[in-house]
Amino acid sequence: MILGTIAAEIAVLELESDDPSWIVVDEWAGMWLSMVAIQGASGWMLAFFLFRTFDILKPFPAGRFEQLQGGVGIMADDVVAAGYTQVAVHAVLWTFGI
């Protein structure tokens, strides 16, 4: 996370762009955080789907984190989306006994 934030910050400064679309370290980190502590293919598929959904929709307060400047802003909304994903996946798996 720290290295990703630093790399994103450097890219923002060098490219003079707020959030270059080709920087995907934030997506990678968010997806990894979404899948850590989840076992099995069904859990991973659900985590993938939910992470992408939360990352696109950016429910409160994830959208606010995206407004932060630099590398922190690039990484933070994906970390929040990963947190939402962890809670949702574990709730679904627990509810349905998967």
PDB file of N, CA and C in Angstrom:
ATOM      1  N   MET A   1       0.823  -1.183   0.000  1.00  0.00           N
ATOM      2  CA  MET A   1       0.000   0.000   0.000  1.00  0.00           C
ATOM      3  C   MET A   1       0.876   1.259   0.000  1.00  0.00           C
ATOM      4  N   ILE A   2       1.886   1.244   0.838  1.00  0.00           N
ATOM      5  CA  ILE A   2       2.757   2.415   0.921  1.00  0.00           C
ATOM      6  C   ILE A   2       3.507   2.617  -0.393  1.00  0.00           C
ATOM      7  N   LEU A   3       4.056   1.524  -0.935  1.00  0.00           N
ATOM      8  CA  LEU A   3       4.781   1.636  -2.207  1.00  0.00           C
ATOM      9  C   LEU A   3       3.852   2.056  -3.341  1.00  0.00           C
ATOM     10  N   GLY A   4       2.635   1.536  -3.336  1.00  0.00           N
ATOM     11  CA  GLY A   4       1.662   1.924  -4.355  1.00  0.00           C
ATOM     12  C   GLY A   4       1.307   3.395  -4.270  1.00  0.00           C
ATOM     13  N   THR A   5       1.151   3.888  -3.056  1.00  0.00           N
ATOM     14  CA  THR A   5       0.847   5.304  -2.857  1.00  0.00           C
ATOM     15  C   THR A   5       2.001   6.178  -3.336  1.00  0.00           C
ATOM     16  N   ILE A   6       3.220   5.767  -3.016  1.00  0.00           N
ATOM     17  CA  ILE A   6       4.400   6.520  -3.455  1.00  0.00           C
ATOM     18  C   ILE A   6       4.505   6.502  -4.981  1.00  0.00           C
ATOM     19  N   ALA A   7       4.321   5.335  -5.581  1.00  0.00           N
ATOM     20  CA  ALA A   7       4.397   5.227  -7.043  1.00  0.00           C
ATOM     21  C   ALA A   7       3.324   6.080  -7.715  1.00  0.00           C
ATOM     22  N   ALA A   8       2.114   6.046  -7.181  1.00  0.00           N
ATOM     23  CA  ALA A   8       1.036   6.854  -7.749  1.00  0.00           C
ATOM     24  C   ALA A   8       1.334   8.342  -7.599  1.00  0.00           C
ATOM     25  N   GLU A   9       1.897   8.729  -6.469  1.00  0.00           N
ATOM     26  CA  GLU A   9       2.259  10.134  -6.237  1.00  0.00           C
ATOM     27  C   GLU A   9       3.312  10.602  -7.242  1.00  0.00           C
ATOM     28  N   ILE A  10       4.308   9.776  -7.467  1.00  0.00           N
ATOM     29  CA  ILE A  10       5.357  10.120  -8.436  1.00  0.00           C
ATOM     30  C   ILE A  10       4.762  10.257  -9.834  1.00  0.00           C
ATOM     31  N   ALA A  11       3.884   9.334 -10.207  1.00  0.00           N
ATOM     32  CA  ALA A  11       3.261   9.399 -11.532  1.00  0.00           C
ATOM     33  C   ALA A  11       2.429  10.666 -11.684  1.00  0.00           C
ATOM     34  N   VAL A  12       1.688  11.026 -10.648  1.00  0.00           N
ATOM     35  CA  VAL A  12       0.878  12.245 -10.700  1.00  0.00           C
ATOM     36  C   VAL A  12       1.765  13.468 -10.901  1.00  0.00           C
ATOM     37  N   LEU A  13       2.859  13.525 -10.173  1.00  0.00           N
ATOM     38  CA  LEU A  13       3.763  14.676 -10.277  1.00  0.00           C
ATOM     39  C   LEU A  13       4.465  14.732 -11.632  1.00  0.00           C
ATOM     40  N   GLU A  14       4.933  13.585 -12.104  1.00  0.00           N
ATOM     41  CA  GLU A  14       5.666  13.547 -13.372  1.00  0.00           C
ATOM     42  C   GLU A  14       4.757  13.812 -14.571  1.00  0.00           C
ATOM     43  N   LEU A  15       3.546  13.282 -14.521  1.00  0.00           N
ATOM     44  CA  LEU A  15       2.640  13.382 -15.666  1.00  0.00           C
ATOM     45  C   LEU A  15       1.714  14.586 -15.589  1.00  0.00           C
ATOM     46  N   GLU A  16       1.722  15.262 -14.450  1.00  0.00           N
ATOM     47  CA  GLU A  16       0.843  16.406 -14.227  1.00  0.00           C
ATOM     48  C   GLU A  16      -0.607  16.051 -14.541  1.00  0.00           C
ATOM     49  N   SER A  17      -1.032  14.905 -14.031  1.00  0.00           N
ATOM     50  CA  SER A  17      -2.387  14.406 -14.214  1.00  0.00           C
ATOM     51  C   SER A  17      -2.917  13.967 -12.858  1.00  0.00           C
ATOM     52  N   ASP A  18      -4.215  14.168 -12.618  1.00  0.00           N
ATOM     53  CA  ASP A  18      -4.795  13.825 -11.319  1.00  0.00           C
ATOM     54  C   ASP A  18      -4.827  12.331 -11.053  1.00  0.00           C
ATOM     55  N   ASP A  19      -5.258  11.553 -12.039  1.00  0.00           N
ATOM     56  CA  ASP A  19      -5.382  10.105 -11.861  1.00  0.00           C
ATOM     57  C   ASP A  19      -5.217   9.430 -13.214  1.00  0.00           C
ATOM     58  N   PRO A  20      -3.968   9.254 -13.660  1.00  0.00           N
ATOM     59  CA  PRO A  20      -3.740   8.626 -14.966  1.00  0.00           C
ATOM     60  C   PRO A  20      -4.413   7.249 -15.032  1.00  0.00           C
ATOM     61  N   SER A  21      -5.198   7.020 -16.066  1.00  0.00           N
ATOM     62  CA  SER A  21      -5.988   5.788 -16.152  1.00  0.00           C
ATOM     63  C   SER A  21      -5.128   4.544 -16.297  1.00  0.00           C
ATOM     64  N   TRP A  22      -3.916   4.684 -16.793  1.00  0.00           N
ATOM     65  CA  TRP A  22      -3.065   3.505 -16.977  1.00  0.00           C
ATOM     66  C   TRP A  22      -2.367   3.086 -15.693  1.00  0.00           C
ATOM     67  N   ILE A  23      -2.485   3.855 -14.635  1.00  0.00           N
ATOM     68  CA  ILE A  23      -1.942   3.430 -13.340  1.00  0.00           C
ATOM     69  C   ILE A  23      -2.960   2.494 -12.705  1.00  0.00           C
ATOM     70  N   VAL A  24      -2.577   1.250 -12.531  1.00  0.00           N
ATOM     71  CA  VAL A  24      -3.515   0.252 -12.012  1.00  0.00           C
ATOM     72  C   VAL A  24      -3.069  -0.341 -10.675  1.00  0.00           C
ATOM     73  N   VAL A  25      -2.048   0.244 -10.062  1.00  0.00           N
ATOM     74  CA  VAL A  25      -1.595  -0.277  -8.773  1.00  0.00           C
ATOM     75  C   VAL A  25      -2.714  -0.166  -7.745  1.00  0.00           C
ATOM     76  N   ASP A  26      -3.563   0.846  -7.860  1.00  0.00           N
ATOM     77  CA  ASP A  26      -4.682   1.003  -6.937  1.00  0.00           C
ATOM     78  C   ASP A  26      -5.705  -0.111  -7.113  1.00  0.00           C
ATOM     79  N   GLU A  27      -5.976  -0.478  -8.366  1.00  0.00           N
ATOM     80  CA  GLU A  27      -6.909  -1.581  -8.633  1.00  0.00           C
ATOM     81  C   GLU A  27      -6.336  -2.901  -8.130  1.00  0.00           C
ATOM     82  N   TRP A  28      -5.056  -3.099  -8.365  1.00  0.00           N
ATOM     83  CA  TRP A  28      -4.401  -4.326  -7.916  1.00  0.00           C
ATOM     84  C   TRP A  28      -4.471  -4.435  -6.397  1.00  0.00           C
ATOM     85  N   ALA A  29      -4.123  -3.360  -5.711  1.00  0.00           N
ATOM     86  CA  ALA A  29      -4.134  -3.375  -4.246  1.00  0.00           C
ATOM     87  C   ALA A  29      -5.548  -3.576  -3.716  1.00  0.00           C
ATOM     88  N   GLY A  30      -6.512  -2.900  -4.320  1.00  0.00           N
ATOM     89  CA  GLY A  30      -7.896  -3.052  -3.881  1.00  0.00           C
ATOM     90  C   GLY A  30      -8.411  -4.462  -4.091  1.00  0.00           C
ATOM     91  N   MET A  31      -8.078  -5.046  -5.233  1.00  0.00           N
ATOM     92  CA  MET A  31      -8.516  -6.421  -5.500  1.00  0.00           C
ATOM     93  C   MET A  31      -7.856  -7.388  -4.535  1.00  0.00           C
ATOM     94  N   TRP A  32      -6.568  -7.208  -4.273  1.00  0.00           N
ATOM     95  CA  TRP A  32      -5.863  -8.085  -3.340  1.00  0.00           C
ATOM     96  C   TRP A  32      -6.477  -7.980  -1.953  1.00  0.00           C
ATOM     97  N   LEU A  33      -6.725  -6.761  -1.490  1.00  0.00           N
ATOM     98  CA  LEU A  33      -7.337  -6.581  -0.173  1.00  0.00           C
ATOM     99  C   LEU A  33      -8.746  -7.161  -0.125  1.00  0.00           C
ATOM    100  N   SER A  34      -9.430  -7.164  -1.254  1.00  0.00           N
ATOM    101  CA  SER A  34     -10.776  -7.735  -1.319  1.00  0.00           C
ATOM    102  C   SER A  34     -10.766  -9.246  -1.172  1.00  0.00           C
ATOM    103  N   MET A  35      -9.698  -9.882  -1.644  1.00  0.00           N
ATOM    104  CA  MET A  35      -9.669 -11.342  -1.670  1.00  0.00           C
ATOM    105  C   MET A  35      -8.899 -11.973  -0.520  1.00  0.00           C
ATOM    106  N   VAL A  36      -8.117 -11.188   0.204  1.00  0.00           N
ATOM    107  CA  VAL A  36      -7.361 -11.738   1.321  1.00  0.00           C
ATOM    108  C   VAL A  36      -8.365 -12.217   2.379  1.00  0.00           C
ATOM    109  N   ALA A  37      -8.104 -13.347   2.966  1.00  0.00           N
ATOM    110  CA  ALA A  37      -8.951 -13.956   4.001  1.00  0.00           C
ATOM    111  C   ALA A  37     -10.259 -14.525   3.456  1.00  0.00           C
ATOM    112  N   ILE A  38     -10.381 -14.632   2.137  1.00  0.00           N
ATOM    113  CA  ILE A  38     -11.552 -15.267   1.537  1.00  0.00           C
ATOM    114  C   ILE A  38     -11.072 -16.527   0.840  1.00  0.00           C
ATOM    115  N   GLN A  39     -11.773 -17.615   1.085  1.00  0.00           N
ATOM    116  CA  GLN A  39     -11.349 -18.896   0.523  1.00  0.00           C
ATOM    117  C   GLN A  39     -12.353 -19.383  -0.511  1.00  0.00           C
ATOM    118  N   GLY A  40     -11.851 -20.116  -1.474  1.00  0.00           N
ATOM    119  CA  GLY A  40     -12.688 -20.791  -2.446  1.00  0.00           C
ATOM    120  C   GLY A  40     -13.064 -19.934  -3.638  1.00  0.00           C
ATOM    121  N   ALA A  41     -13.306 -20.626  -4.732  1.00  0.00           N
ATOM    122  CA  ALA A  41     -13.607 -19.950  -5.993  1.00  0.00           C
ATOM    123  C   ALA A  41     -14.880 -19.118  -5.916  1.00  0.00           C
ATOM    124  N   SER A  42     -15.907 -19.615  -5.228  1.00  0.00           N
ATOM    125  CA  SER A  42     -17.153 -18.847  -5.153  1.00  0.00           C
ATOM    126  C   SER A  42     -16.945 -17.543  -4.394  1.00  0.00           C
ATOM    127  N   GLY A  43     -16.173 -17.583  -3.330  1.00  0.00           N
ATOM    128  CA  GLY A  43     -15.868 -16.368  -2.578  1.00  0.00           C
ATOM    129  C   GLY A  43     -15.044 -15.393  -3.395  1.00  0.00           C
ATOM    130  N   TRP A  44     -14.085 -15.903  -4.150  1.00  0.00           N
ATOM    131  CA  TRP A  44     -13.242 -15.042  -4.976  1.00  0.00           C
ATOM    132  C   TRP A  44     -14.043 -14.390  -6.100  1.00  0.00           C
ATOM    133  N   MET A  45     -14.932 -15.169  -6.724  1.00  0.00           N
ATOM    134  CA  MET A  45     -15.759 -14.597  -7.790  1.00  0.00           C
ATOM    135  C   MET A  45     -16.678 -13.512  -7.240  1.00  0.00           C
ATOM    136  N   LEU A  46     -17.269 -13.788  -6.083  1.00  0.00           N
ATOM    137  CA  LEU A  46     -18.133 -12.797  -5.453  1.00  0.00           C
ATOM    138  C   LEU A  46     -17.331 -11.549  -5.085  1.00  0.00           C
ATOM    139  N   ALA A  47     -16.132 -11.747  -4.549  1.00  0.00           N
ATOM    140  CA  ALA A  47     -15.273 -10.618  -4.183  1.00  0.00           C
ATOM    141  C   ALA A  47     -14.917  -9.790  -5.414  1.00  0.00           C
ATOM    142  N   PHE A  48     -14.587 -10.449  -6.517  1.00  0.00           N
ATOM    143  CA  PHE A  48     -14.259  -9.721  -7.745  1.00  0.00           C
ATOM    144  C   PHE A  48     -15.437  -8.868  -8.198  1.00  0.00           C
ATOM    145  N   PHE A  49     -16.608  -9.478  -8.273  1.00  0.00           N
ATOM    146  CA  PHE A  49     -17.808  -8.772  -8.722  1.00  0.00           C
ATOM    147  C   PHE A  49     -18.135  -7.600  -7.795  1.00  0.00           C
ATOM    148  N   LEU A  50     -18.118  -7.850  -6.497  1.00  0.00           N
ATOM    149  CA  LEU A  50     -18.473  -6.792  -5.553  1.00  0.00           C
ATOM    150  C   LEU A  50     -17.432  -5.670  -5.529  1.00  0.00           C
ATOM    151  N   PHE A  51     -16.150  -6.028  -5.598  1.00  0.00           N
ATOM    152  CA  PHE A  51     -15.131  -4.981  -5.610  1.00  0.00           C
ATOM    153  C   PHE A  51     -15.307  -4.071  -6.815  1.00  0.00           C
ATOM    154  N   ARG A  52     -15.490  -4.659  -7.987  1.00  0.00           N
ATOM    155  CA  ARG A  52     -15.669  -3.838  -9.189  1.00  0.00           C
ATOM    156  C   ARG A  52     -16.911  -2.953  -9.054  1.00  0.00           C
ATOM    157  N   THR A  53     -17.985  -3.510  -8.490  1.00  0.00           N
ATOM    158  CA  THR A  53     -19.211  -2.734  -8.297  1.00  0.00           C
ATOM    159  C   THR A  53     -18.974  -1.562  -7.351  1.00  0.00           C
ATOM    160  N   PHE A  54     -18.370  -1.842  -6.195  1.00  0.00           N
ATOM    161  CA  PHE A  54     -18.100  -0.769  -5.232  1.00  0.00           C
ATOM    162  C   PHE A  54     -17.110   0.249  -5.799  1.00  0.00           C
ATOM    163  N   ASP A  55     -16.142  -0.210  -6.557  1.00  0.00           N
ATOM    164  CA  ASP A  55     -15.141   0.693  -7.123  1.00  0.00           C
ATOM    165  C   ASP A  55     -15.759   1.622  -8.167  1.00  0.00           C
ATOM    166  N   ILE A  56     -16.702   1.123  -8.930  1.00  0.00           N
ATOM    167  CA  ILE A  56     -17.355   1.942  -9.951  1.00  0.00           C
ATOM    168  C   ILE A  56     -18.374   2.897  -9.326  1.00  0.00           C
ATOM    169  N   LEU A  57     -19.213   2.375  -8.425  1.00  0.00           N
ATOM    170  CA  LEU A  57     -20.274   3.198  -7.835  1.00  0.00           C
ATOM    171  C   LEU A  57     -19.764   4.152  -6.758  1.00  0.00           C
ATOM    172  N   LYS A  58     -18.688   3.767  -6.093  1.00  0.00           N
ATOM    173  CA  LYS A  58     -18.074   4.570  -5.028  1.00  0.00           C
ATOM    174  C   LYS A  58     -19.086   5.062  -3.997  1.00  0.00           C
ATOM    175  N   PRO A  59     -19.755   4.125  -3.306  1.00  0.00           N
ATOM    176  CA  PRO A  59     -20.713   4.556  -2.276  1.00  0.00           C
ATOM    177  C   PRO A  59     -19.998   5.310  -1.152  1.00  0.00           C
ATOM    178  N   PHE A  60     -20.733   6.190  -0.505  1.00  0.00           N
ATOM    179  CA  PHE A  60     -20.177   7.030   0.557  1.00  0.00           C
ATOM    180  C   PHE A  60     -19.497   6.178   1.611  1.00  0.00           C
ATOM    181  N   PRO A  61     -18.334   6.531   2.062  1.00  0.00           N
ATOM    182  CA  PRO A  61     -17.527   7.707   1.782  1.00  0.00           C
ATOM    183  C   PRO A  61     -16.425   7.477   0.746  1.00  0.00           C
ATOM    184  N   ALA A  62     -16.475   6.394  -0.020  1.00  0.00           N
ATOM    185  CA  ALA A  62     -15.405   6.098  -0.982  1.00  0.00           C
ATOM    186  C   ALA A  62     -15.206   7.234  -1.979  1.00  0.00           C
ATOM    187  N   GLY A  63     -16.280   7.832  -2.449  1.00  0.00           N
ATOM    188  CA  GLY A  63     -16.173   8.938  -3.390  1.00  0.00           C
ATOM    189  C   GLY A  63     -15.429  10.129  -2.810  1.00  0.00           C
ATOM    190  N   ARG A  64     -15.612  10.348  -1.531  1.00  0.00           N
ATOM    191  CA  ARG A  64     -14.901  11.450  -0.862  1.00  0.00           C
ATOM    192  C   ARG A  64     -13.398  11.197  -0.840  1.00  0.00           C
ATOM    193  N   PHE A  65     -13.019   9.941  -0.611  1.00  0.00           N
ATOM    194  CA  PHE A  65     -11.593   9.612  -0.570  1.00  0.00           C
ATOM    195  C   PHE A  65     -10.939   9.826  -1.927  1.00  0.00           C
ATOM    196  N   GLU A  66     -11.686   9.604  -2.995  1.00  0.00           N
ATOM    197  CA  GLU A  66     -11.144   9.796  -4.339  1.00  0.00           C
ATOM    198  C   GLU A  66     -10.797  11.262  -4.595  1.00  0.00           C
ATOM    199  N   GLN A  67     -11.435  12.157  -3.873  1.00  0.00           N
ATOM    200  CA  GLN A  67     -11.188  13.586  -4.052  1.00  0.00           C
ATOM    201  C   GLN A  67      -9.888  14.054  -3.406  1.00  0.00           C
ATOM    202  N   LEU A  68      -9.268  13.202  -2.585  1.00  0.00           N
ATOM    203  CA  LEU A  68      -7.976  13.560  -2.002  1.00  0.00           C
ATOM    204  C   LEU A  68      -6.948  13.703  -3.116  1.00  0.00           C
ATOM    205  N   GLN A  69      -5.990  14.546  -2.912  1.00  0.00           N
ATOM    206  CA  GLN A  69      -4.986  14.823  -3.935  1.00  0.00           C
ATOM    207  C   GLN A  69      -3.865  13.787  -3.935  1.00  0.00           C
ATOM    208  N   GLY A  70      -3.279  13.567  -5.094  1.00  0.00           N
ATOM    209  CA  GLY A  70      -2.078  12.761  -5.228  1.00  0.00           C
ATOM    210  C   GLY A  70      -2.285  11.272  -5.066  1.00  0.00           C
ATOM    211  N   GLY A  71      -1.200  10.613  -4.683  1.00  0.00           N
ATOM    212  CA  GLY A  71      -1.199   9.162  -4.554  1.00  0.00           C
ATOM    213  C   GLY A  71      -2.168   8.646  -3.517  1.00  0.00           C
ATOM    214  N   VAL A  72      -2.353   9.400  -2.447  1.00  0.00           N
ATOM    215  CA  VAL A  72      -3.299   8.984  -1.403  1.00  0.00           C
ATOM    216  C   VAL A  72      -4.706   8.898  -1.974  1.00  0.00           C
ATOM    217  N   GLY A  73      -5.111   9.886  -2.744  1.00  0.00           N
ATOM    218  CA  GLY A  73      -6.438   9.880  -3.344  1.00  0.00           C
ATOM    219  C   GLY A  73      -6.630   8.754  -4.343  1.00  0.00           C
ATOM    220  N   ILE A  74      -5.575   8.448  -5.085  1.00  0.00           N
ATOM    221  CA  ILE A  74      -5.648   7.364  -6.063  1.00  0.00           C
ATOM    222  C   ILE A  74      -5.864   6.027  -5.358  1.00  0.00           C
ATOM    223  N   MET A  75      -5.161   5.817  -4.259  1.00  0.00           N
ATOM    224  CA  MET A  75      -5.219   4.537  -3.552  1.00  0.00           C
ATOM    225  C   MET A  75      -6.408   4.425  -2.596  1.00  0.00           C
ATOM    226  N   ALA A  76      -6.789   5.520  -1.951  1.00  0.00           N
ATOM    227  CA  ALA A  76      -7.729   5.460  -0.830  1.00  0.00           C
ATOM    228  C   ALA A  76      -9.110   4.952  -1.207  1.00  0.00           C
ATOM    229  N   ASP A  77      -9.663   5.385  -2.327  1.00  0.00           N
ATOM    230  CA  ASP A  77     -11.012   4.941  -2.676  1.00  0.00           C
ATOM    231  C   ASP A  77     -11.058   3.440  -2.941  1.00  0.00           C
ATOM    232  N   ASP A  78      -9.973   2.888  -3.463  1.00  0.00           N
ATOM    233  CA  ASP A  78      -9.932   1.446  -3.708  1.00  0.00           C
ATOM    234  C   ASP A  78      -9.786   0.663  -2.407  1.00  0.00           C
ATOM    235  N   VAL A  79      -9.082   1.225  -1.450  1.00  0.00           N
ATOM    236  CA  VAL A  79      -8.966   0.580  -0.136  1.00  0.00           C
ATOM    237  C   VAL A  79     -10.332   0.564   0.550  1.00  0.00           C
ATOM    238  N   VAL A  80     -11.073   1.657   0.452  1.00  0.00           N
ATOM    239  CA  VAL A  80     -12.417   1.707   1.035  1.00  0.00           C
ATOM    240  C   VAL A  80     -13.331   0.707   0.329  1.00  0.00           C
ATOM    241  N   ALA A  81     -13.261   0.642  -1.002  1.00  0.00           N
ATOM    242  CA  ALA A  81     -14.066  -0.328  -1.754  1.00  0.00           C
ATOM    243  C   ALA A  81     -13.711  -1.754  -1.344  1.00  0.00           C
ATOM    244  N   ALA A  82     -12.446  -2.016  -1.074  1.00  0.00           N
ATOM    245  CA  ALA A  82     -12.027  -3.343  -0.613  1.00  0.00           C
ATOM    246  C   ALA A  82     -12.610  -3.649   0.761  1.00  0.00           C
ATOM    247  N   GLY A  83     -12.666  -2.653   1.619  1.00  0.00           N
ATOM    248  CA  GLY A  83     -13.284  -2.848   2.933  1.00  0.00           C
ATOM    249  C   GLY A  83     -14.759  -3.186   2.812  1.00  0.00           C
ATOM    250  N   TYR A  84     -15.473  -2.461   1.952  1.00  0.00           N
ATOM    251  CA  TYR A  84     -16.879  -2.779   1.699  1.00  0.00           C
ATOM    252  C   TYR A  84     -17.015  -4.208   1.189  1.00  0.00           C
ATOM    253  N   THR A  85     -16.112  -4.588   0.294  1.00  0.00           N
ATOM    254  CA  THR A  85     -16.153  -5.923  -0.299  1.00  0.00           C
ATOM    255  C   THR A  85     -15.957  -6.996   0.754  1.00  0.00           C
ATOM    256  N   GLN A  86     -14.971  -6.821   1.618  1.00  0.00           N
ATOM    257  CA  GLN A  86     -14.719  -7.810   2.673  1.00  0.00           C
ATOM    258  C   GLN A  86     -15.963  -8.015   3.532  1.00  0.00           C
ATOM    259  N   VAL A  87     -16.573  -6.926   3.956  1.00  0.00           N
ATOM    260  CA  VAL A  87     -17.767  -7.022   4.801  1.00  0.00           C
ATOM    261  C   VAL A  87     -18.893  -7.724   4.051  1.00  0.00           C
ATOM    262  N   ALA A  88     -19.135  -7.323   2.809  1.00  0.00           N
ATOM    263  CA  ALA A  88     -20.236  -7.894   2.034  1.00  0.00           C
ATOM    264  C   ALA A  88     -20.021  -9.373   1.731  1.00  0.00           C
ATOM    265  N   VAL A  89     -18.819  -9.743   1.318  1.00  0.00           N
ATOM    266  CA  VAL A  89     -18.544 -11.147   0.988  1.00  0.00           C
ATOM    267  C   VAL A  89     -18.684 -12.020   2.226  1.00  0.00           C
ATOM    268  N   HIS A  90     -18.102 -11.602   3.332  1.00  0.00           N
ATOM    269  CA  HIS A  90     -18.216 -12.409   4.544  1.00  0.00           C
ATOM    270  C   HIS A  90     -19.669 -12.511   5.008  1.00  0.00           C
ATOM    271  N   ALA A  91     -20.444 -11.456   4.844  1.00  0.00           N
ATOM    272  CA  ALA A  91     -21.860 -11.503   5.211  1.00  0.00           C
ATOM    273  C   ALA A  91     -22.618 -12.499   4.339  1.00  0.00           C
ATOM    274  N   VAL A  92     -22.358 -12.474   3.032  1.00  0.00           N
ATOM    275  CA  VAL A  92     -23.035 -13.402   2.120  1.00  0.00           C
ATOM    276  C   VAL A  92     -22.620 -14.838   2.416  1.00  0.00           C
ATOM    277  N   LEU A  93     -21.323 -15.076   2.562  1.00  0.00           N
ATOM    278  CA  LEU A  93     -20.843 -16.438   2.826  1.00  0.00           C
ATOM    279  C   LEU A  93     -21.380 -16.958   4.151  1.00  0.00           C
ATOM    280  N   TRP A  94     -21.435 -16.115   5.168  1.00  0.00           N
ATOM    281  CA  TRP A  94     -21.952 -16.536   6.472  1.00  0.00           C
ATOM    282  C   TRP A  94     -23.454 -16.790   6.399  1.00  0.00           C
ATOM    283  N   THR A  95     -24.188 -15.896   5.723  1.00  0.00           N
ATOM    284  CA  THR A  95     -25.641 -16.020   5.631  1.00  0.00           C
ATOM    285  C   THR A  95     -26.054 -17.295   4.913  1.00  0.00           C
ATOM    286  N   PHE A  96     -25.374 -17.612   3.830  1.00  0.00           N
ATOM    287  CA  PHE A  96     -25.751 -18.769   3.028  1.00  0.00           C
ATOM    288  C   PHE A  96     -24.917 -20.006   3.329  1.00  0.00           C
ATOM    289  N   GLY A  97     -24.017 -19.919   4.276  1.00  0.00           N
ATOM    290  CA  GLY A  97     -23.217 -21.069   4.676  1.00  0.00           C
ATOM    291  C   GLY A  97     -22.315 -21.601   3.581  1.00  0.00           C
ATOM    292  N   ILE A  98     -21.826 -20.735   2.753  1.00  0.00           N
ATOM    293  CA  ILE A  98     -20.965 -21.144   1.634  1.00  0.00           C
ATOM    294  C   ILE A  98     -19.541 -21.269   2.116  1.00  0.00           C
TER     295      ILE A  98
END
